[in-house]
Structures are given as structure tokens and as C-alpha cells.
Amino acid sequence: MARPPRPEGMQVLAMFRYKDLQELTILLGKLEEAVLVLRLNLDTLRDVYDYYKRHVQSVDIRADFRDHMERSTSSFLRRLSEIIRSLEIRRAQLESLGKRLDSGRGLVRVIEFFCLCVP
């Protein structure tokens, strides 16, 4: 299967409308907001994790109740840790996507500049 002809010069620039760059900028803003929300949520979940971990270790209670509490809390802390890891992965993915989109936006600007400066 033959490849379509490769666009050159102003044809490349014509492929990118100003509206598309505006939409990309808006999307990048939303991605940055999502990353910020994820970071805040991760900080909150880490605080909850630390609180319960310290609480179980510091409470002065009967030994049999402490064992039950440690088992129950251990399960909760494990699940909380899994959620934190999952959110960290999502945050990293969003940050990576944002960098790629910003990179593409920068490339379009360079192409635009080059096409306008070079006859």
C-alpha cells in the first residue's frame, strides 16, 4: 500500500488550525488540574495511612484487642497502599501525556514559525 504524499511547507501549517491549538491548550490545562487533584488526594491518603499506622502502634489497650486491631488495620493499610500505588501510576501517566501534548504543541509552533519565516 503506497503512502500518501508528504505535505510540505505551508501545507503542514495548514493542517493545524488555531482552534486546534486552543483546544490543545485547554486540554493541557485540564490535565494539569487533574494532576494537581491527584497529588492532593495522594497526600491525603498518605496522611490517613500514616495516622492509622501510628494510631495502632501508640494506643494503650489490652493485648488481645491490640492483636485484633492490628489485623484489621493491617488489611485496611494494605488496601490503602494499593490505592495509593494505583493513583501514583495514573498521575505519572497523566503527567507523561501532558508532556507529550505540550511537546507536540511546541513542535507546531516551531513549524508555524519556520513556515512564516522561510519563503
C-alpha atoms as a PDB file:
ATOM      1  CA  MET A   1       0.000   0.000   0.000  1.00  0.00           C
ATOM      2  CA  ALA A   2       1.510   3.303  -1.112  1.00  0.00           C
ATOM      3  CA  ARG A   3       1.936   6.130   1.344  1.00  0.00           C
ATOM      4  CA  PRO A   4       0.133   9.389   0.681  1.00  0.00           C
ATOM      5  CA  PRO A   5       2.396  12.234  -0.460  1.00  0.00           C
ATOM      6  CA  ARG A   6       4.165  14.023   2.352  1.00  0.00           C
ATOM      7  CA  PRO A   7       2.923  17.585   2.946  1.00  0.00           C
ATOM      8  CA  GLU A   8       5.493  20.353   2.694  1.00  0.00           C
ATOM      9  CA  GLY A   9       5.905  23.930   3.884  1.00  0.00           C
ATOM     10  CA  MET A  10       2.644  25.782   4.259  1.00  0.00           C
ATOM     11  CA  GLN A  11       0.681  22.571   3.699  1.00  0.00           C
ATOM     12  CA  VAL A  12       1.961  21.318   7.050  1.00  0.00           C
ATOM     13  CA  LEU A  13       0.926  24.552   8.730  1.00  0.00           C
ATOM     14  CA  ALA A  14      -2.496  24.417   7.099  1.00  0.00           C
ATOM     15  CA  MET A  15      -3.091  21.047   8.763  1.00  0.00           C
ATOM     16  CA  PHE A  16      -3.054  22.762  12.177  1.00  0.00           C
ATOM     17  CA  ARG A  17      -5.787  25.280  12.814  1.00  0.00           C
ATOM     18  CA  TYR A  18      -5.552  27.904  15.508  1.00  0.00           C
ATOM     19  CA  LYS A  19      -8.706  26.459  17.073  1.00  0.00           C
ATOM     20  CA  ASP A  20      -6.960  23.087  17.419  1.00  0.00           C
ATOM     21  CA  LEU A  21      -4.069  24.716  19.280  1.00  0.00           C
ATOM     22  CA  GLN A  22      -6.551  26.477  21.571  1.00  0.00           C
ATOM     23  CA  GLU A  23      -8.315  23.182  22.296  1.00  0.00           C
ATOM     24  CA  LEU A  24      -4.964  21.553  22.986  1.00  0.00           C
ATOM     25  CA  THR A  25      -4.073  24.341  25.407  1.00  0.00           C
ATOM     26  CA  ILE A  26      -7.417  23.910  27.189  1.00  0.00           C
ATOM     27  CA  LEU A  27      -6.865  20.148  27.364  1.00  0.00           C
ATOM     28  CA  LEU A  28      -3.397  20.685  28.830  1.00  0.00           C
ATOM     29  CA  GLY A  29      -4.924  22.961  31.470  1.00  0.00           C
ATOM     30  CA  LYS A  30      -7.450  20.283  32.401  1.00  0.00           C
ATOM     31  CA  LEU A  31      -4.682  17.673  32.571  1.00  0.00           C
ATOM     32  CA  GLU A  32      -2.696  19.916  34.911  1.00  0.00           C
ATOM     33  CA  GLU A  33      -5.777  20.343  37.114  1.00  0.00           C
ATOM     34  CA  ALA A  34      -6.307  16.562  37.193  1.00  0.00           C
ATOM     35  CA  VAL A  35      -2.668  16.003  38.172  1.00  0.00           C
ATOM     36  CA  LEU A  36      -2.993  18.589  40.931  1.00  0.00           C
ATOM     37  CA  VAL A  37      -6.162  16.924  42.266  1.00  0.00           C
ATOM     38  CA  LEU A  38      -4.435  13.521  42.173  1.00  0.00           C
ATOM     39  CA  ARG A  39      -1.451  14.921  44.080  1.00  0.00           C
ATOM     40  CA  LEU A  40      -3.727  16.397  46.744  1.00  0.00           C
ATOM     41  CA  ASN A  41      -5.679  13.139  47.023  1.00  0.00           C
ATOM     42  CA  LEU A  42      -2.444  11.166  47.289  1.00  0.00           C
ATOM     43  CA  ASP A  43      -1.207  13.461  50.058  1.00  0.00           C
ATOM     44  CA  THR A  44      -4.489  12.983  51.926  1.00  0.00           C
ATOM     45  CA  LEU A  45      -4.392   9.203  51.541  1.00  0.00           C
ATOM     46  CA  ARG A  46      -0.772   9.114  52.734  1.00  0.00           C
ATOM     47  CA  ASP A  47      -1.781  11.169  55.780  1.00  0.00           C
ATOM     48  CA  VAL A  48      -4.626   8.721  56.514  1.00  0.00           C
ATOM     49  CA  TYR A  49      -2.208   5.795  56.109  1.00  0.00           C
ATOM     50  CA  ASP A  50       0.327   7.369  58.475  1.00  0.00           C
ATOM     51  CA  TYR A  51      -2.355   8.248  61.022  1.00  0.00           C
ATOM     52  CA  TYR A  52      -3.738   4.709  61.273  1.00  0.00           C
ATOM     53  CA  LYS A  53      -0.300   3.140  61.282  1.00  0.00           C
ATOM     54  CA  ARG A  54       0.813   5.390  64.150  1.00  0.00           C
ATOM     55  CA  HIS A  55      -2.520   5.047  65.972  1.00  0.00           C
ATOM     56  CA  VAL A  56      -2.338   1.256  66.195  1.00  0.00           C
ATOM     57  CA  GLN A  57       1.217   1.426  67.473  1.00  0.00           C
ATOM     58  CA  SER A  58       0.521   4.115  70.064  1.00  0.00           C
ATOM     59  CA  VAL A  59      -2.795   3.026  71.565  1.00  0.00           C
ATOM     60  CA  ASP A  60      -2.550   1.685  75.119  1.00  0.00           C
ATOM     61  CA  ILE A  61      -5.050  -1.213  75.105  1.00  0.00           C
ATOM     62  CA  ARG A  62      -5.322  -4.852  76.104  1.00  0.00           C
ATOM     63  CA  ALA A  63      -3.032  -7.189  74.180  1.00  0.00           C
ATOM     64  CA  ASP A  64      -5.845  -9.358  72.725  1.00  0.00           C
ATOM     65  CA  PHE A  65      -7.729  -6.302  71.443  1.00  0.00           C
ATOM     66  CA  ARG A  66      -4.479  -4.827  70.096  1.00  0.00           C
ATOM     67  CA  ASP A  67      -3.882  -8.015  68.049  1.00  0.00           C
ATOM     68  CA  HIS A  68      -7.397  -7.830  66.597  1.00  0.00           C
ATOM     69  CA  MET A  69      -6.973  -4.130  65.860  1.00  0.00           C
ATOM     70  CA  GLU A  70      -3.583  -4.680  64.194  1.00  0.00           C
ATOM     71  CA  ARG A  71      -5.020  -7.432  61.952  1.00  0.00           C
ATOM     72  CA  SER A  72      -7.978  -5.285  60.946  1.00  0.00           C
ATOM     73  CA  THR A  73      -5.868  -2.222  60.383  1.00  0.00           C
ATOM     74  CA  SER A  74      -3.246  -4.219  58.526  1.00  0.00           C
ATOM     75  CA  SER A  75      -5.817  -5.233  55.906  1.00  0.00           C
ATOM     76  CA  PHE A  76      -7.026  -1.628  55.627  1.00  0.00           C
ATOM     77  CA  LEU A  77      -3.471  -0.308  55.293  1.00  0.00           C
ATOM     78  CA  ARG A  78      -2.643  -2.878  52.603  1.00  0.00           C
ATOM     79  CA  ARG A  79      -5.694  -1.861  50.575  1.00  0.00           C
ATOM     80  CA  LEU A  80      -4.928   1.819  51.096  1.00  0.00           C
ATOM     81  CA  SER A  81      -1.371   1.228  49.922  1.00  0.00           C
ATOM     82  CA  GLU A  82      -2.677  -0.454  46.740  1.00  0.00           C
ATOM     83  CA  ILE A  83      -4.937   2.526  46.058  1.00  0.00           C
ATOM     84  CA  ILE A  84      -2.034   4.929  46.572  1.00  0.00           C
ATOM     85  CA  ARG A  85       0.149   2.970  44.134  1.00  0.00           C
ATOM     86  CA  SER A  86      -2.643   2.902  41.576  1.00  0.00           C
ATOM     87  CA  LEU A  87      -3.200   6.657  41.835  1.00  0.00           C
ATOM     88  CA  GLU A  88       0.552   7.288  41.567  1.00  0.00           C
ATOM     89  CA  ILE A  89       0.582   5.313  38.305  1.00  0.00           C
ATOM     90  CA  ARG A  90      -2.374   7.327  36.971  1.00  0.00           C
ATOM     91  CA  ARG A  91      -0.673  10.567  37.990  1.00  0.00           C
ATOM     92  CA  ALA A  92       2.524   9.553  36.188  1.00  0.00           C
ATOM     93  CA  GLN A  93       0.511   8.620  33.093  1.00  0.00           C
ATOM     94  CA  LEU A  94      -1.278  11.977  33.080  1.00  0.00           C
ATOM     95  CA  GLU A  95       1.990  13.845  33.562  1.00  0.00           C
ATOM     96  CA  SER A  96       3.537  11.915  30.685  1.00  0.00           C
ATOM     97  CA  LEU A  97       0.547  12.605  28.445  1.00  0.00           C
ATOM     98  CA  GLY A  98       0.712  16.290  29.328  1.00  0.00           C
ATOM     99  CA  LYS A  99       4.408  16.436  28.446  1.00  0.00           C
ATOM    100  CA  ARG A 100       3.786  14.722  25.111  1.00  0.00           C
ATOM    101  CA  LEU A 101       0.922  17.060  24.244  1.00  0.00           C
ATOM    102  CA  ASP A 102       2.946  20.103  25.249  1.00  0.00           C
ATOM    103  CA  SER A 103       5.826  18.824  23.166  1.00  0.00           C
ATOM    104  CA  GLY A 104       3.530  18.459  20.171  1.00  0.00           C
ATOM    105  CA  ARG A 105       2.162  21.939  20.731  1.00  0.00           C
ATOM    106  CA  GLY A 106       5.716  23.277  20.816  1.00  0.00           C
ATOM    107  CA  LEU A 107       6.533  21.455  17.588  1.00  0.00           C
ATOM    108  CA  VAL A 108       3.522  23.012  15.860  1.00  0.00           C
ATOM    109  CA  ARG A 109       4.716  26.445  17.000  1.00  0.00           C
ATOM    110  CA  VAL A 110       8.198  25.772  15.597  1.00  0.00           C
ATOM    111  CA  ILE A 111       6.711  24.603  12.297  1.00  0.00           C
ATOM    112  CA  GLU A 112       4.497  27.687  12.245  1.00  0.00           C
ATOM    113  CA  PHE A 113       7.468  29.965  12.909  1.00  0.00           C
ATOM    114  CA  PHE A 114       9.609  28.210  10.310  1.00  0.00           C
ATOM    115  CA  CYS A 115       6.880  28.370   7.655  1.00  0.00           C
ATOM    116  CA  LEU A 116       6.296  32.067   8.279  1.00  0.00           C
ATOM    117  CA  CYS A 117       9.984  32.964   8.238  1.00  0.00           C
ATOM    118  CA  VAL A 118      11.171  30.856   5.325  1.00  0.00           C
ATOM    119  CA  PRO A 119       9.719  31.741   1.928  1.00  0.00           C
END
